[in-house]
Amino acid sequence: QVQLVESGGGLVQPGGSLRLSCAASGSIFSAYVMGWYRQAPGKQRELVATITPGESTNYADSVKGRFTISRDNAKNTVYLQMNSLKPEDTAVYYCKMRTITSDYWGQGTQVTVSS
C-alpha cells in the first residue's frame, strides 16, 4: 500500500518562496517517476514538474526558471522548491507516484499566493 503525504503549503506574498515535501511509504520509492501537479479552483489538474529515478526533470512552461523539483531517495521524499511565486500559482498541490501498474496520489497541500 503506497502512501504519499504532502506538507509545506501555506500563505505567501507574491515574490515569496515555499518548499513542498512529499514523503512516500510502502513502495520502492527510488524506482519510480515522481511528480507534482496542481489544481486551481474551477480548473483541471495540471502537471507542474516530474523527476525520473535518474533525476531527469521536466517542467511546465509556466514554472520553468522558478520551480525546482528534487528527490532524496534515502528519505523517500520528493521536494518542490517554489521561488518568485505569483498569484496564479495559487492551487492545491498534489504529489504523484507512477508505478508500473498504478498512479498514486497524495491528499494535497494548499498554496495561496496573495498580498
Protein backbone atom coordinates (compact mmCIF):
# COMPACT_ATOMS: atom_id res chain seq x y z
CA GLN A 1 0.00 0.00 0.00
CA VAL A 2 1.58 3.25 -1.18
CA GLN A 3 1.01 6.34 0.90
CA LEU A 4 2.07 9.84 -0.09
CA VAL A 5 1.92 12.71 2.38
CA GLU A 6 2.49 16.30 1.24
CA SER A 7 3.49 19.17 3.50
CA GLY A 8 4.86 22.69 3.28
CA GLY A 9 1.96 24.58 1.80
CA GLY A 10 0.68 27.88 3.15
CA LEU A 11 0.07 31.54 2.51
CA VAL A 12 2.87 33.56 0.94
CA GLN A 13 3.14 37.02 -0.59
CA PRO A 14 3.85 37.46 -4.29
CA GLY A 15 7.57 37.08 -4.95
CA GLY A 16 7.99 34.79 -1.97
CA SER A 17 9.12 31.20 -1.71
CA LEU A 18 7.86 27.89 -0.37
CA ARG A 19 9.22 24.36 -0.34
CA LEU A 20 6.80 21.47 -0.60
CA SER A 21 7.69 17.97 0.54
CA CYS A 22 6.12 14.63 -0.28
CA ALA A 23 7.04 11.63 1.84
CA ALA A 24 6.36 8.18 0.39
CA SER A 25 5.92 4.86 2.13
CA GLY A 26 5.02 1.36 1.13
CA SER A 27 6.95 1.10 -2.12
CA ILE A 28 10.38 1.20 -3.70
CA PHE A 29 10.47 4.98 -3.98
CA SER A 30 13.74 5.19 -5.89
CA ALA A 31 12.41 3.10 -8.78
CA TYR A 32 9.58 5.37 -9.86
CA VAL A 33 8.84 8.66 -11.53
CA MET A 34 7.58 11.24 -9.07
CA GLY A 35 5.60 14.32 -9.97
CA TRP A 36 3.95 17.45 -8.65
CA TYR A 37 0.60 18.57 -10.02
CA ARG A 38 -1.73 21.40 -9.07
CA GLN A 39 -5.38 22.24 -9.31
CA ALA A 40 -6.76 25.73 -9.02
CA PRO A 41 -10.46 26.36 -8.25
CA GLY A 42 -12.58 25.74 -11.32
CA LYS A 43 -9.67 24.39 -13.33
CA GLN A 44 -8.37 20.98 -14.30
CA ARG A 45 -5.43 19.42 -12.52
CA GLU A 46 -2.22 20.21 -14.38
CA LEU A 47 1.35 18.99 -14.42
CA VAL A 48 3.89 21.15 -12.61
CA ALA A 49 7.06 19.04 -12.68
CA THR A 50 8.31 15.47 -12.81
CA ILE A 51 11.54 13.73 -11.88
CA THR A 52 12.69 10.29 -13.01
CA PRO A 53 14.68 7.74 -10.99
CA GLY A 54 17.74 9.02 -12.85
CA GLU A 55 16.82 12.58 -11.79
CA SER A 56 15.87 13.86 -15.22
CA THR A 57 13.37 16.65 -14.76
CA ASN A 58 10.53 18.16 -16.73
CA TYR A 59 8.63 21.38 -16.01
CA ALA A 60 5.51 23.13 -17.16
CA ASP A 61 6.37 26.26 -19.13
CA SER A 62 4.60 28.40 -16.54
CA VAL A 63 7.02 27.41 -13.77
CA LYS A 64 10.32 27.00 -15.64
CA GLY A 65 13.08 29.00 -14.03
CA ARG A 66 11.08 29.50 -10.83
CA PHE A 67 10.36 25.99 -9.51
CA THR A 68 12.81 23.15 -8.88
CA ILE A 69 11.88 19.51 -8.29
CA SER A 70 14.31 17.21 -6.49
CA ARG A 71 14.30 13.88 -4.71
CA ASP A 72 16.09 12.28 -1.79
CA ASN A 73 15.85 8.52 -2.20
CA ALA A 74 17.36 7.88 1.23
CA LYS A 75 14.43 9.74 2.77
CA ASN A 76 11.79 8.55 0.27
CA THR A 77 10.92 12.19 -0.29
CA VAL A 78 10.39 14.45 -3.28
CA TYR A 79 10.55 18.22 -2.98
CA LEU A 80 9.28 21.21 -4.93
CA GLN A 81 11.15 24.45 -4.31
CA MET A 82 8.96 27.32 -5.47
CA ASN A 83 10.50 30.78 -5.88
CA SER A 84 9.18 34.06 -7.26
CA LEU A 85 5.65 32.92 -6.55
CA LYS A 86 2.77 34.59 -8.36
CA PRO A 87 -0.94 34.82 -7.51
CA GLU A 88 -1.64 32.48 -10.43
CA ASP A 89 0.38 29.78 -8.63
CA THR A 90 -2.42 29.55 -6.06
CA ALA A 91 -3.74 25.98 -6.08
CA VAL A 92 -3.84 22.70 -4.24
CA TYR A 93 -0.57 20.92 -4.99
CA TYR A 94 -0.54 17.14 -5.27
CA CYS A 95 2.27 14.63 -5.30
CA LYS A 96 2.07 11.60 -7.60
CA MET A 97 4.00 8.35 -7.83
CA ARG A 98 3.83 6.50 -11.14
CA THR A 99 4.46 2.77 -10.81
CA ILE A 100 4.31 0.03 -13.42
CA THR A 101 0.71 -0.78 -12.57
CA SER A 102 -0.81 2.32 -10.97
CA ASP A 103 -0.64 6.01 -10.18
CA TYR A 104 -0.78 7.02 -6.53
CA TRP A 105 -1.74 10.47 -5.26
CA GLY A 106 -1.28 12.34 -2.03
CA GLN A 107 -4.06 14.28 -0.33
CA GLY A 108 -2.77 17.66 -1.49
CA THR A 109 -1.48 20.79 0.20
CA GLN A 110 -2.87 24.29 -0.32
CA VAL A 111 -0.62 27.04 -1.63
CA THR A 112 -2.04 30.56 -1.61
CA VAL A 113 -0.10 33.47 -3.06
CA SER A 114 -1.66 36.76 -2.03
CA SER A 115 -0.77 40.11 -0.57
